[in-house]
Amino acid sequence: MLGAEAGQVAAPVLLDAGVFIGALLKGDRRHAEARQVVERARRGELQACTTASILCEVYGALTWEKAEPRHQPAAAAEAVRLLVEPPSAITVLEEGLEVVHRALDLAVKHRLTARRIHDARHAAAALVAGIVAVCTYDPNDWRLFEDEGLRMIEPALIRQRS
């Protein structure tokens, strides 16, 4: 349900890696839009959360040789820290044993293999925390979890609410 109405954004919403990556990489075509969403979340105008694994994915994207601009490890680590450290209002969900079990159950149910386990882990963290909305640029990664109760929100719809 990627086209959900802007007024129906659940609180909090899980921010997926692509939103952070778009916000941090000035060469990304999504930069202006994603930056507005992330800044609203950091200020607490949008109740938002993420996971440690999503933040690690962001670090990986920032240090990739084709990133625009490519970040050195120390700069990438600092950029990721600033996303969630105070005064940021973005919370980081716990990813303990319950999330591992839920992720494995999702992987089996949806017949996920290889790197798709990470999608299951992100979805499991959201579901265990009671999150029902995901702000993402990658709806295909999340669509199979709609039957679990997750819905997708376009970053453009969140940005429009400001």
Protein backbone atom coordinates (compact mmCIF):
# COMPACT_ATOMS: atom_id res chain seq x y z
CA MET A 1 0.00 0.00 0.00
CA LEU A 2 2.72 2.41 -0.99
CA GLY A 3 0.22 5.06 -1.93
CA ALA A 4 -1.24 5.41 1.60
CA GLU A 5 -2.76 8.79 2.39
CA ALA A 6 -0.34 11.24 3.99
CA GLY A 7 -2.75 11.83 6.86
CA GLN A 8 -2.68 8.13 7.73
CA VAL A 9 1.00 7.86 8.66
CA ALA A 10 1.24 5.62 11.70
CA ALA A 11 3.40 6.74 14.55
CA PRO A 12 6.11 5.83 14.80
CA VAL A 13 7.18 4.91 11.31
CA LEU A 14 10.24 2.77 10.55
CA LEU A 15 12.70 4.60 8.30
CA ASP A 16 14.36 2.25 5.83
CA ALA A 17 17.99 2.58 4.73
CA GLY A 18 17.22 4.24 1.39
CA VAL A 19 15.62 7.21 3.12
CA PHE A 20 18.76 7.83 5.19
CA ILE A 21 21.05 7.18 2.23
CA GLY A 22 19.12 9.62 0.06
CA ALA A 23 19.28 12.23 2.81
CA LEU A 24 23.03 11.89 3.32
CA LEU A 25 24.28 11.57 -0.26
CA LYS A 26 24.04 14.90 -2.06
CA GLY A 27 24.50 13.14 -5.40
CA ASP A 28 21.43 10.96 -4.81
CA ARG A 29 18.37 11.90 -6.91
CA ARG A 30 16.21 11.52 -3.78
CA HIS A 31 18.38 13.84 -1.68
CA ALA A 32 16.09 16.87 -1.19
CA GLU A 33 12.98 14.82 -0.46
CA ALA A 34 14.72 12.31 1.82
CA ARG A 35 16.57 15.05 3.66
CA GLN A 36 13.29 16.72 4.59
CA VAL A 37 11.85 13.46 5.93
CA VAL A 38 14.94 12.67 8.00
CA GLU A 39 15.19 16.19 9.39
CA ARG A 40 11.50 16.12 10.40
CA ALA A 41 12.17 12.83 12.18
CA ARG A 42 15.31 14.12 13.89
CA ARG A 43 13.38 17.16 15.18
CA GLY A 44 10.56 14.93 16.45
CA GLU A 45 7.95 16.31 14.05
CA LEU A 46 7.61 12.77 12.68
CA GLN A 47 7.73 9.93 15.20
CA ALA A 48 10.29 7.65 13.62
CA CYS A 49 12.52 4.72 14.42
CA THR A 50 15.04 2.50 12.70
CA THR A 51 17.25 -0.46 13.56
CA ALA A 52 20.95 -1.01 14.14
CA SER A 53 21.07 -3.22 11.06
CA ILE A 54 19.49 -0.51 8.90
CA LEU A 55 22.05 1.99 10.21
CA CYS A 56 24.86 -0.43 9.33
CA GLU A 57 23.41 -0.70 5.82
CA VAL A 58 23.54 3.11 5.60
CA TYR A 59 27.21 3.08 6.67
CA GLY A 60 27.91 0.52 3.93
CA ALA A 61 26.23 2.68 1.30
CA LEU A 62 28.13 5.80 2.38
CA THR A 63 31.50 4.05 2.10
CA TRP A 64 30.75 2.30 -1.22
CA GLU A 65 33.16 3.31 -3.98
CA LYS A 66 30.30 4.65 -6.16
CA ALA A 67 28.66 6.76 -3.43
CA GLU A 68 28.29 10.46 -4.32
CA PRO A 69 30.08 11.69 -2.36
CA ARG A 70 31.93 8.67 -1.04
CA HIS A 71 32.55 8.91 2.71
CA GLN A 72 35.69 7.74 4.45
CA PRO A 73 34.96 5.32 7.31
CA ALA A 74 35.28 7.91 10.10
CA ALA A 75 33.04 10.41 8.29
CA ALA A 76 30.46 7.71 7.50
CA ALA A 77 30.40 6.55 11.12
CA GLU A 78 29.92 10.12 12.32
CA ALA A 79 27.10 10.75 9.83
CA VAL A 80 25.28 7.59 10.95
CA ARG A 81 25.76 8.46 14.63
CA LEU A 82 24.30 11.93 14.09
CA LEU A 83 21.15 10.40 12.63
CA VAL A 84 20.18 8.87 15.98
CA GLU A 85 22.20 10.40 18.79
CA PRO A 86 20.66 13.23 20.84
CA PRO A 87 19.29 15.69 20.05
CA SER A 88 17.82 13.42 17.34
CA ALA A 89 14.37 12.06 18.20
CA ILE A 90 14.80 8.97 15.97
CA THR A 91 14.81 5.85 18.14
CA VAL A 92 16.68 2.61 17.47
CA LEU A 93 14.65 -0.57 17.93
CA GLU A 94 16.05 -3.52 19.84
CA GLU A 95 17.00 -6.56 17.79
CA GLY A 96 17.24 -9.30 20.40
CA LEU A 97 16.40 -12.98 20.33
CA GLU A 98 12.67 -12.42 19.74
CA VAL A 99 13.52 -10.52 16.55
CA VAL A 100 15.85 -13.32 15.43
CA HIS A 101 13.11 -15.91 15.88
CA ARG A 102 10.53 -13.75 14.11
CA ALA A 103 12.96 -13.06 11.24
CA LEU A 104 13.63 -16.76 10.78
CA ASP A 105 9.89 -17.51 10.85
CA LEU A 106 9.32 -14.84 8.19
CA ALA A 107 12.18 -16.18 6.08
CA VAL A 108 10.73 -19.69 6.13
CA LYS A 109 7.15 -18.52 5.53
CA HIS A 110 8.15 -16.37 2.55
CA ARG A 111 10.86 -18.77 1.31
CA LEU A 112 13.58 -16.12 1.56
CA THR A 113 17.17 -17.03 0.83
CA ALA A 114 20.60 -15.43 0.97
CA ARG A 115 20.59 -11.66 1.40
CA ARG A 116 16.79 -11.47 1.64
CA ILE A 117 17.14 -12.58 5.29
CA HIS A 118 18.04 -8.96 6.02
CA ASP A 119 14.62 -7.85 4.77
CA ALA A 120 13.04 -10.37 7.15
CA ARG A 121 15.19 -9.08 10.03
CA HIS A 122 14.14 -5.47 9.41
CA ALA A 123 10.48 -6.49 9.16
CA ALA A 124 10.74 -8.63 12.30
CA ALA A 125 12.22 -5.78 14.31
CA ALA A 126 9.35 -3.53 13.26
CA LEU A 127 6.68 -6.15 13.96
CA VAL A 128 8.06 -7.10 17.38
CA ALA A 129 8.08 -3.39 18.32
CA GLY A 130 4.50 -2.92 17.13
CA ILE A 131 5.45 -0.73 14.17
CA VAL A 132 3.01 -0.98 11.28
CA ALA A 133 4.33 1.60 8.78
CA VAL A 134 7.60 1.64 6.87
CA CYS A 135 8.89 4.68 5.01
CA THR A 136 10.82 3.24 2.07
CA TYR A 137 12.03 3.79 -1.46
CA ASP A 138 12.17 0.01 -1.94
CA PRO A 139 8.56 -1.21 -1.81
CA ASN A 140 9.40 -4.53 -3.45
CA ASP A 141 11.63 -5.42 -0.49
CA TRP A 142 8.69 -4.89 1.88
CA ARG A 143 5.59 -5.86 -0.10
CA LEU A 144 5.67 -9.52 0.96
CA PHE A 145 5.37 -8.44 4.62
CA GLU A 146 2.07 -6.63 4.07
CA ASP A 147 0.21 -9.78 5.11
CA GLU A 148 2.04 -9.51 8.44
CA GLY A 149 0.49 -6.09 9.03
CA LEU A 150 3.19 -3.77 7.66
CA ARG A 151 2.25 -1.04 5.23
CA MET A 152 4.52 1.12 3.16
CA ILE A 153 4.54 4.90 3.05
CA GLU A 154 6.19 6.88 0.28
CA PRO A 155 8.72 9.42 1.56
CA ALA A 156 7.04 12.03 -0.66
CA LEU A 157 3.80 11.64 1.30
CA ILE A 158 5.56 12.19 4.63
CA ARG A 159 7.45 15.20 3.28
CA GLN A 160 4.20 16.75 2.05
CA ARG A 161 2.80 16.86 5.58
CA SER A 162 5.33 19.47 6.71
